[in-house]
Amino acid sequence: MKKLLTLRLLTLSIMMFSTGLITGWWVHELLAIRGEKLSSDEGNYQDWLPLQDFSNTFERSALPQEIIDFEQALEGHRYDDALVIYQQQERQDSELSQRLKTVLLQKIDEWSEHQDDSIDGLERFTQHYYQDVDFLQKLADLYTEQEALEKAIEVLISARSFSVQPEELERTTTRIHKLSRLFYNRQQKSQKLHETLPFFQKLTAVEPDYAFYRFALAQAYLSTDNSSSAIRELELLQTDEEFGRQASHQLSDLLPPIPEEPEDIPSSAIPLFTQGRHYMAEAQTQDRSQSRLLIDTGASLTTLPTSLLRELKRRKMAYQVGSTELKTANGLAFAPLYQVKELHLGQYILKNLEVAGLDLGYPFAEGLLGMNALGQFHFQIDQDRNHLILTPR
């Protein structure tokens, strides 16, 4: 009896051990299968998950439904649906909006072999998010890769207007300048400069101090036989370091020729003084005070020392008419604005000229000869003989 009881207990123990062994093996296999599926799902998502600066690690099972729906809308080129999802999260100031932006930028990179899809998507988004610098810069990249340089430059101008960091502003401006020169060279090579006229008119209006735009604009005017407009632009370039000499040579072909013999130099020629790349001419006020003025085609106003203008005012030879804001090398400056009864420039007398009071602080010049004076003439700078030739308009 005792042996029978022992045998039953042994049999029961073997059965329990076997059951536990089988159960453990089954559970282990089940977990392995689920783990393999989970890893596979994560791998699929990582195929489109942002890399580099946009890297994040999500488990598929933990993804918000909005991200899944957003991805599916992009994959199906349903950009309006994707935009609605993005706008909803952006209005809620949700953390998801940044994650959705990350997904979109990564998708754009994935579609590198189908750039038309990338451009279509970004154009749709930038219609609403026209202030988003990341979207605009990416769209400019795509346009550049497709050699649509005019579009790329226009998008970069928009991006620059919404940029706030100085480094970003400088980087974008440099890129615009490089692309605009490349665009000009291509159009010139194709003999299509006449087609660039509206484009460089716009660029010059946006950034009037960048000499290349004025030079390109002048060439576009010449290609359309608009000499008078070309002359206006070339006159402004004569003191520029890069384009000054070329502008002077072109002006010599467009304006009455400068006499070749020194004794034939016209009486209207004004001797120029030089300091590096700067040109100065002497001007005289009604009280016979002489001032050496730096020719500055980028200055809209002529300037004289404040002390001289005060003396002219005291002697009833000028009177103050208000104040103005001037752009100087040290930034913006407010200056008193006077109307000077007479300013003598060579044989010419400029009457009732508006002049700003500004102390330049230059050892070689007391004031600026700006475009409100020079613009009354066709003017040529003879860089070989250092003369300013004025011809009344």
Protein backbone atom coordinates (compact mmCIF):
# COMPACT_ATOMS: atom_id res chain seq x y z
CA MET A 1 0.00 0.00 0.00
CA LYS A 2 2.79 2.35 0.93
CA LYS A 3 4.59 1.56 -2.33
CA LEU A 4 1.42 2.25 -4.34
CA LEU A 5 0.98 5.69 -2.69
CA THR A 6 4.60 6.58 -3.42
CA LEU A 7 4.20 5.56 -7.07
CA ARG A 8 1.06 7.76 -7.48
CA LEU A 9 2.83 10.79 -5.99
CA LEU A 10 5.78 10.29 -8.31
CA THR A 11 3.46 10.02 -11.33
CA LEU A 12 1.61 13.21 -10.31
CA SER A 13 4.91 15.11 -9.92
CA ILE A 14 6.07 14.04 -13.38
CA MET A 15 2.77 15.18 -14.92
CA MET A 16 2.95 18.59 -13.19
CA PHE A 17 6.56 19.09 -14.28
CA SER A 18 5.73 18.19 -17.88
CA THR A 19 2.73 20.54 -17.91
CA GLY A 20 4.84 23.42 -16.58
CA LEU A 21 7.58 22.74 -19.10
CA ILE A 22 5.12 22.73 -22.03
CA THR A 23 3.36 25.88 -20.77
CA GLY A 24 6.65 27.76 -20.35
CA TRP A 25 7.81 26.82 -23.84
CA TRP A 26 4.48 27.97 -25.35
CA VAL A 27 4.56 31.32 -23.55
CA HIS A 28 8.18 31.87 -24.62
CA GLU A 29 7.33 31.24 -28.28
CA LEU A 30 4.29 33.52 -28.11
CA LEU A 31 6.34 36.41 -26.69
CA ALA A 32 9.04 35.86 -29.30
CA ILE A 33 6.47 36.10 -32.11
CA ARG A 34 4.93 39.28 -30.65
CA GLY A 35 8.36 40.80 -30.15
CA GLU A 36 9.30 40.04 -33.74
CA LYS A 37 6.12 41.71 -35.02
CA LEU A 38 6.65 44.74 -32.79
CA SER A 39 10.23 45.11 -34.02
CA SER A 40 9.03 44.82 -37.60
CA ASP A 41 6.43 47.57 -37.09
CA GLU A 42 9.02 49.85 -35.53
CA GLY A 43 11.33 49.26 -38.47
CA ASN A 44 8.62 50.29 -40.94
CA TYR A 45 8.00 53.51 -39.06
CA GLN A 46 11.69 54.27 -38.77
CA ASP A 47 11.84 54.13 -42.57
CA TRP A 48 10.11 57.52 -42.64
CA LEU A 49 10.91 58.79 -39.15
CA PRO A 50 13.06 61.98 -39.26
CA LEU A 51 16.80 61.53 -39.08
CA GLN A 52 19.66 63.76 -37.95
CA ASP A 53 18.34 66.84 -36.18
CA PHE A 54 14.79 65.56 -36.37
CA SER A 55 15.48 62.15 -34.78
CA ASN A 56 12.99 60.78 -32.28
CA THR A 57 12.16 57.22 -31.27
CA PHE A 58 8.51 56.20 -31.25
CA GLU A 59 6.98 52.80 -30.82
CA ARG A 60 4.26 52.24 -33.35
CA SER A 61 1.83 51.16 -30.67
CA ALA A 62 2.49 54.43 -28.83
CA LEU A 63 1.99 56.73 -31.85
CA PRO A 64 -0.90 59.20 -31.58
CA GLN A 65 -3.57 58.61 -34.17
CA GLU A 66 -3.00 62.13 -35.54
CA ILE A 67 0.54 61.23 -36.63
CA ILE A 68 -0.64 58.04 -38.30
CA ASP A 69 -3.44 59.89 -40.11
CA PHE A 70 -1.04 62.68 -41.10
CA GLU A 71 1.46 60.23 -42.55
CA GLN A 72 -1.23 58.40 -44.48
CA ALA A 73 -2.57 61.68 -45.90
CA LEU A 74 0.92 62.66 -47.08
CA GLU A 75 1.56 59.23 -48.58
CA GLY A 76 -1.72 59.50 -50.47
CA HIS A 77 -0.89 63.06 -51.63
CA ARG A 78 -4.00 64.28 -49.83
CA TYR A 79 -2.31 67.52 -48.84
CA ASP A 80 -5.51 69.31 -47.85
CA ASP A 81 -6.31 66.53 -45.37
CA ALA A 82 -2.77 66.67 -43.99
CA LEU A 83 -3.02 70.45 -43.73
CA VAL A 84 -6.26 70.20 -41.73
CA ILE A 85 -4.63 67.82 -39.23
CA TYR A 86 -1.61 70.12 -38.93
CA GLN A 87 -3.74 73.23 -38.46
CA GLN A 88 -5.83 71.59 -35.74
CA GLN A 89 -2.76 70.77 -33.67
CA GLU A 90 -1.12 74.11 -34.40
CA ARG A 91 -4.19 76.05 -33.23
CA GLN A 92 -4.19 74.05 -30.00
CA ASP A 93 -0.50 74.88 -29.57
CA SER A 94 -0.06 71.15 -29.21
CA GLU A 95 3.27 69.39 -28.88
CA LEU A 96 2.06 67.21 -31.73
CA SER A 97 2.32 70.12 -34.19
CA GLN A 98 6.13 70.06 -33.95
CA ARG A 99 6.15 66.28 -34.38
CA LEU A 100 3.92 66.63 -37.45
CA LYS A 101 6.28 69.24 -38.87
CA THR A 102 9.15 66.82 -38.32
CA VAL A 103 7.27 64.10 -40.18
CA LEU A 104 6.54 66.45 -43.11
CA LEU A 105 10.16 67.56 -43.48
CA GLN A 106 11.33 63.96 -43.40
CA LYS A 107 8.77 62.98 -46.01
CA ILE A 108 10.09 65.75 -48.25
CA ASP A 109 13.58 64.27 -47.95
CA GLU A 110 12.24 60.79 -48.74
CA TRP A 111 10.59 62.04 -51.92
CA SER A 112 13.92 63.25 -53.35
CA GLU A 113 13.41 61.10 -56.43
CA HIS A 114 9.93 62.56 -56.91
CA GLN A 115 10.57 66.26 -56.32
CA ASP A 116 7.31 67.30 -57.94
CA ASP A 117 5.46 65.62 -55.06
CA SER A 118 7.67 67.44 -52.54
CA ILE A 119 7.12 70.79 -54.24
CA ASP A 120 3.36 70.26 -54.51
CA GLY A 121 3.14 69.45 -50.80
CA LEU A 122 5.30 72.35 -49.65
CA GLU A 123 3.60 74.84 -51.96
CA ARG A 124 0.28 73.83 -50.42
CA PHE A 125 1.58 74.24 -46.87
CA THR A 126 3.36 77.55 -47.53
CA GLN A 127 0.15 79.04 -48.91
CA HIS A 128 -1.08 78.98 -45.32
CA TYR A 129 2.25 79.01 -43.43
CA TYR A 130 3.98 81.69 -45.50
CA GLN A 131 5.92 82.84 -42.42
CA ASP A 132 7.44 79.44 -41.65
CA VAL A 133 11.14 79.85 -42.44
CA ASP A 134 11.84 76.09 -42.31
CA PHE A 135 9.19 75.37 -44.94
CA LEU A 136 10.34 78.27 -47.12
CA GLN A 137 14.02 77.30 -46.98
CA LYS A 138 13.18 73.70 -47.87
CA LEU A 139 11.01 74.85 -50.79
CA ALA A 140 13.86 77.07 -52.03
CA ASP A 141 16.18 74.04 -51.89
CA LEU A 142 13.80 72.08 -54.11
CA TYR A 143 13.41 74.93 -56.61
CA THR A 144 17.20 75.29 -56.77
CA GLU A 145 17.66 71.57 -57.44
CA GLN A 146 15.19 71.87 -60.31
CA GLU A 147 17.08 74.98 -61.53
CA ALA A 148 13.99 77.15 -61.07
CA LEU A 149 16.27 79.91 -59.79
CA GLU A 150 13.81 82.79 -60.09
CA LYS A 151 11.29 80.95 -57.91
CA ALA A 152 14.00 79.96 -55.43
CA ILE A 153 15.13 83.58 -55.04
CA GLU A 154 11.57 84.84 -54.52
CA VAL A 155 10.97 82.22 -51.81
CA LEU A 156 14.26 83.10 -50.10
CA ILE A 157 13.31 86.79 -50.08
CA SER A 158 10.13 85.81 -48.24
CA ALA A 159 12.13 83.64 -45.84
CA ARG A 160 14.52 86.52 -45.14
CA SER A 161 11.67 88.88 -44.34
CA PHE A 162 10.51 86.52 -41.57
CA SER A 163 13.97 85.61 -40.24
CA VAL A 164 14.97 87.08 -36.88
CA GLN A 165 18.43 85.67 -36.16
CA PRO A 166 21.31 87.77 -37.58
CA GLU A 167 23.22 84.66 -38.70
CA GLU A 168 20.18 83.35 -40.52
CA LEU A 169 19.59 86.71 -42.19
CA GLU A 170 23.17 86.92 -43.39
CA ARG A 171 23.17 83.33 -44.62
CA THR A 172 19.92 83.81 -46.55
CA THR A 173 21.08 87.11 -48.06
CA THR A 174 24.35 85.54 -49.22
CA ARG A 175 22.40 82.73 -50.83
CA ILE A 176 20.08 85.18 -52.63
CA HIS A 177 23.08 87.09 -53.98
CA LYS A 178 24.76 83.94 -55.30
CA LEU A 179 21.61 82.63 -56.96
CA SER A 180 20.81 86.02 -58.53
CA ARG A 181 24.26 86.15 -60.15
CA LEU A 182 23.87 82.59 -61.39
CA PHE A 183 20.44 83.44 -62.80
CA TYR A 184 21.84 86.54 -64.55
CA ASN A 185 24.76 84.63 -66.08
CA ARG A 186 22.45 81.94 -67.45
CA GLN A 187 20.07 84.46 -68.96
CA GLN A 188 22.94 86.43 -70.45
CA LYS A 189 24.42 83.27 -71.98
CA SER A 190 21.01 82.46 -73.46
CA GLN A 191 20.66 86.06 -74.73
CA LYS A 192 17.49 86.50 -72.69
CA LEU A 193 18.44 89.48 -70.54
CA HIS A 194 15.34 91.33 -71.71
CA GLU A 195 13.25 88.75 -69.85
CA THR A 196 14.99 89.59 -66.56
CA LEU A 197 13.86 93.23 -66.49
CA PRO A 198 10.83 92.87 -64.14
CA PHE A 199 12.79 90.51 -61.89
CA PHE A 200 15.77 92.83 -61.36
CA GLN A 201 13.47 95.82 -60.99
CA LYS A 202 11.92 94.00 -58.05
CA LEU A 203 15.27 92.97 -56.56
CA THR A 204 16.62 96.52 -56.83
CA ALA A 205 13.55 97.86 -55.05
CA VAL A 206 13.95 95.29 -52.27
CA GLU A 207 17.70 95.82 -51.82
CA PRO A 208 18.74 99.09 -53.49
CA ASP A 209 22.23 99.15 -51.96
CA TYR A 210 23.37 95.92 -53.60
CA ALA A 211 25.29 97.14 -56.64
CA PHE A 212 24.96 93.95 -58.68
CA TYR A 213 21.18 94.36 -58.91
CA ARG A 214 21.59 97.83 -60.42
CA PHE A 215 24.23 96.57 -62.83
CA ALA A 216 22.00 93.69 -63.95
CA LEU A 217 19.06 96.07 -64.25
CA ALA A 218 21.11 98.43 -66.42
CA GLN A 219 22.05 95.56 -68.74
CA ALA A 220 18.41 94.50 -68.96
CA TYR A 221 17.44 98.07 -69.91
CA LEU A 222 20.15 98.12 -72.58
CA SER A 223 18.88 94.83 -73.99
CA THR A 224 15.49 96.51 -74.50
CA ASP A 225 17.07 99.68 -76.01
CA ASN A 226 15.99 101.77 -73.02
CA SER A 227 19.15 103.87 -72.84
CA SER A 228 17.80 106.61 -70.59
CA SER A 229 16.89 104.14 -67.83
CA ALA A 230 20.20 102.33 -68.25
CA ILE A 231 22.07 105.63 -67.88
CA ARG A 232 20.23 106.36 -64.64
CA GLU A 233 21.35 103.05 -63.14
CA LEU A 234 24.91 103.22 -64.46
CA GLU A 235 25.41 106.72 -63.05
CA LEU A 236 24.71 105.34 -59.59
CA LEU A 237 27.38 102.67 -60.00
CA GLN A 238 30.32 104.89 -60.93
CA THR A 239 31.76 104.94 -57.42
CA ASP A 240 31.24 101.22 -56.83
CA GLU A 241 34.41 99.18 -56.37
CA GLU A 242 33.23 96.19 -58.42
CA PHE A 243 31.23 97.81 -61.21
CA GLY A 244 32.38 101.47 -61.20
CA ARG A 245 34.90 101.32 -64.03
CA GLN A 246 32.64 99.20 -66.24
CA ALA A 247 29.73 101.56 -65.59
CA SER A 248 31.89 104.57 -66.52
CA HIS A 249 32.95 102.94 -69.78
CA GLN A 250 29.37 102.13 -70.70
CA LEU A 251 28.30 105.69 -69.88
CA SER A 252 31.02 107.04 -72.17
CA ASP A 253 29.31 105.18 -75.02
CA LEU A 254 25.85 106.42 -74.06
CA LEU A 255 26.57 110.07 -73.22
CA PRO A 256 28.39 112.80 -75.18
CA PRO A 257 32.09 111.88 -75.30
CA ILE A 258 34.56 113.37 -72.85
CA PRO A 259 37.27 115.36 -74.69
CA GLU A 260 40.48 113.40 -75.00
CA GLU A 261 42.91 116.30 -74.83
CA PRO A 262 43.43 117.98 -71.43
CA GLU A 263 43.13 121.45 -72.96
CA ASP A 264 39.73 120.46 -74.37
CA ILE A 265 38.24 119.56 -71.01
CA PRO A 266 35.01 121.57 -70.76
CA SER A 267 34.65 124.34 -68.24
CA SER A 268 31.85 122.37 -66.61
CA ALA A 269 34.33 119.68 -65.52
CA ILE A 270 34.91 119.69 -61.77
CA PRO A 271 38.27 118.44 -60.44
CA LEU A 272 37.99 115.44 -58.16
CA PHE A 273 40.07 114.52 -55.15
CA THR A 274 40.54 110.84 -54.34
CA GLN A 275 40.96 108.85 -51.18
CA GLY A 276 41.18 105.16 -51.97
CA ARG A 277 38.01 104.34 -53.92
CA HIS A 278 36.31 107.57 -52.79
CA TYR A 279 35.85 110.66 -54.97
CA MET A 280 35.39 114.17 -53.56
CA ALA A 281 34.34 117.42 -55.21
CA GLU A 282 34.45 120.92 -53.77
CA ALA A 283 31.22 122.86 -53.34
CA GLN A 284 30.73 126.45 -52.23
CA THR A 285 27.90 128.02 -50.27
CA GLN A 286 26.59 131.55 -50.63
CA ASP A 287 28.98 132.86 -47.98
CA ARG A 288 31.90 131.52 -50.07
CA SER A 289 32.65 128.72 -47.60
CA GLN A 290 34.31 125.77 -49.35
CA SER A 291 33.38 122.20 -48.42
CA ARG A 292 34.86 119.03 -49.81
CA LEU A 293 31.94 116.65 -50.46
CA LEU A 294 32.20 112.90 -50.87
CA ILE A 295 30.28 111.68 -53.94
CA ASP A 296 27.78 109.16 -52.58
CA THR A 297 25.29 107.82 -55.11
CA GLY A 298 23.66 105.82 -52.34
CA ALA A 299 22.74 108.97 -50.41
CA SER A 300 19.45 110.60 -51.28
CA LEU A 301 20.40 113.86 -49.56
CA THR A 302 23.40 116.14 -49.65
CA THR A 303 24.91 116.89 -46.24
CA LEU A 304 27.03 119.70 -44.80
CA PRO A 305 28.54 120.22 -41.33
CA THR A 306 25.97 121.31 -38.76
CA SER A 307 28.05 124.32 -37.73
CA LEU A 308 28.13 125.63 -41.32
CA LEU A 309 24.37 125.26 -41.73
CA ARG A 310 23.75 127.10 -38.47
CA GLU A 311 25.95 129.95 -39.69
CA LEU A 312 24.08 130.06 -43.01
CA LYS A 313 20.81 130.16 -41.12
CA ARG A 314 22.07 133.04 -38.97
CA ARG A 315 22.96 134.96 -42.12
CA LYS A 316 19.57 134.22 -43.76
CA MET A 317 21.23 132.05 -46.41
CA ALA A 318 19.43 128.93 -45.24
CA TYR A 319 16.55 128.04 -42.99
CA GLN A 320 15.55 124.90 -41.17
CA VAL A 321 12.58 123.02 -42.60
CA GLY A 322 12.44 120.00 -40.30
CA SER A 323 14.47 116.92 -39.48
CA THR A 324 15.26 113.66 -41.21
CA GLU A 325 16.61 110.19 -40.54
CA LEU A 326 19.89 109.28 -42.21
CA LYS A 327 21.49 105.90 -42.69
CA THR A 328 25.14 106.17 -41.70
CA ALA A 329 28.02 103.74 -41.21
CA ASN A 330 27.20 103.73 -37.50
CA GLY A 331 23.48 103.12 -38.00
CA LEU A 332 20.51 105.46 -38.25
CA ALA A 333 20.93 109.08 -37.16
CA PHE A 334 18.48 111.96 -36.87
CA ALA A 335 19.64 115.18 -38.47
CA PRO A 336 18.23 118.70 -38.91
CA LEU A 337 17.07 119.43 -42.45
CA TYR A 338 17.76 122.82 -44.02
CA GLN A 339 16.92 124.48 -47.30
CA VAL A 340 20.07 126.17 -48.59
CA LYS A 341 19.46 129.10 -50.91
CA GLU A 342 22.52 128.46 -53.09
CA LEU A 343 25.08 125.68 -53.44
CA HIS A 344 27.74 126.25 -56.12
CA LEU A 345 29.03 123.13 -57.87
CA GLY A 346 31.56 124.07 -60.52
CA GLN A 347 29.84 126.54 -62.85
CA TYR A 348 26.38 125.45 -61.74
CA ILE A 349 24.30 126.95 -58.94
CA LEU A 350 21.79 124.69 -57.21
CA LYS A 351 19.03 126.79 -55.68
CA ASN A 352 16.90 125.96 -52.64
CA LEU A 353 18.58 122.59 -52.15
CA GLU A 354 17.59 120.49 -49.15
CA VAL A 355 20.68 119.70 -47.10
CA ALA A 356 20.97 117.65 -43.90
CA GLY A 357 23.24 118.68 -41.07
CA LEU A 358 25.69 115.86 -40.41
CA ASP A 359 29.22 115.77 -39.07
CA LEU A 360 30.87 112.89 -40.95
CA GLY A 361 34.01 112.67 -38.89
CA TYR A 362 36.10 111.93 -42.01
CA PRO A 363 39.47 113.70 -42.31
CA PHE A 364 39.11 113.85 -46.11
CA ALA A 365 35.50 115.10 -46.50
CA GLU A 366 33.16 117.52 -44.70
CA GLY A 367 29.91 116.33 -46.26
CA LEU A 368 28.17 114.16 -48.84
CA LEU A 369 27.19 115.05 -52.38
CA GLY A 370 23.94 113.11 -52.65
CA MET A 371 21.50 112.32 -55.41
CA ASN A 372 19.23 115.32 -54.78
CA ALA A 373 22.14 117.35 -56.20
CA LEU A 374 23.71 114.89 -58.66
CA GLY A 375 20.33 113.75 -59.92
CA GLN A 376 19.76 117.15 -61.52
CA PHE A 377 22.45 116.25 -64.07
CA HIS A 378 23.73 113.48 -66.24
CA PHE A 379 27.06 112.97 -64.53
CA GLN A 380 30.18 111.11 -65.53
CA ILE A 381 33.20 110.38 -63.40
CA ASP A 382 36.29 110.40 -65.58
CA GLN A 383 38.35 107.98 -63.52
CA ASP A 384 41.42 108.36 -65.72
CA ARG A 385 41.71 112.14 -65.27
CA ASN A 386 39.70 112.52 -62.05
CA HIS A 387 37.04 114.90 -63.26
CA LEU A 388 33.30 115.09 -62.69
CA ILE A 389 31.47 116.01 -65.89
CA LEU A 390 27.99 117.46 -65.36
CA THR A 391 25.38 117.87 -68.10
CA PRO A 392 21.98 119.35 -67.11
CA ARG A 393 19.09 116.99 -67.73
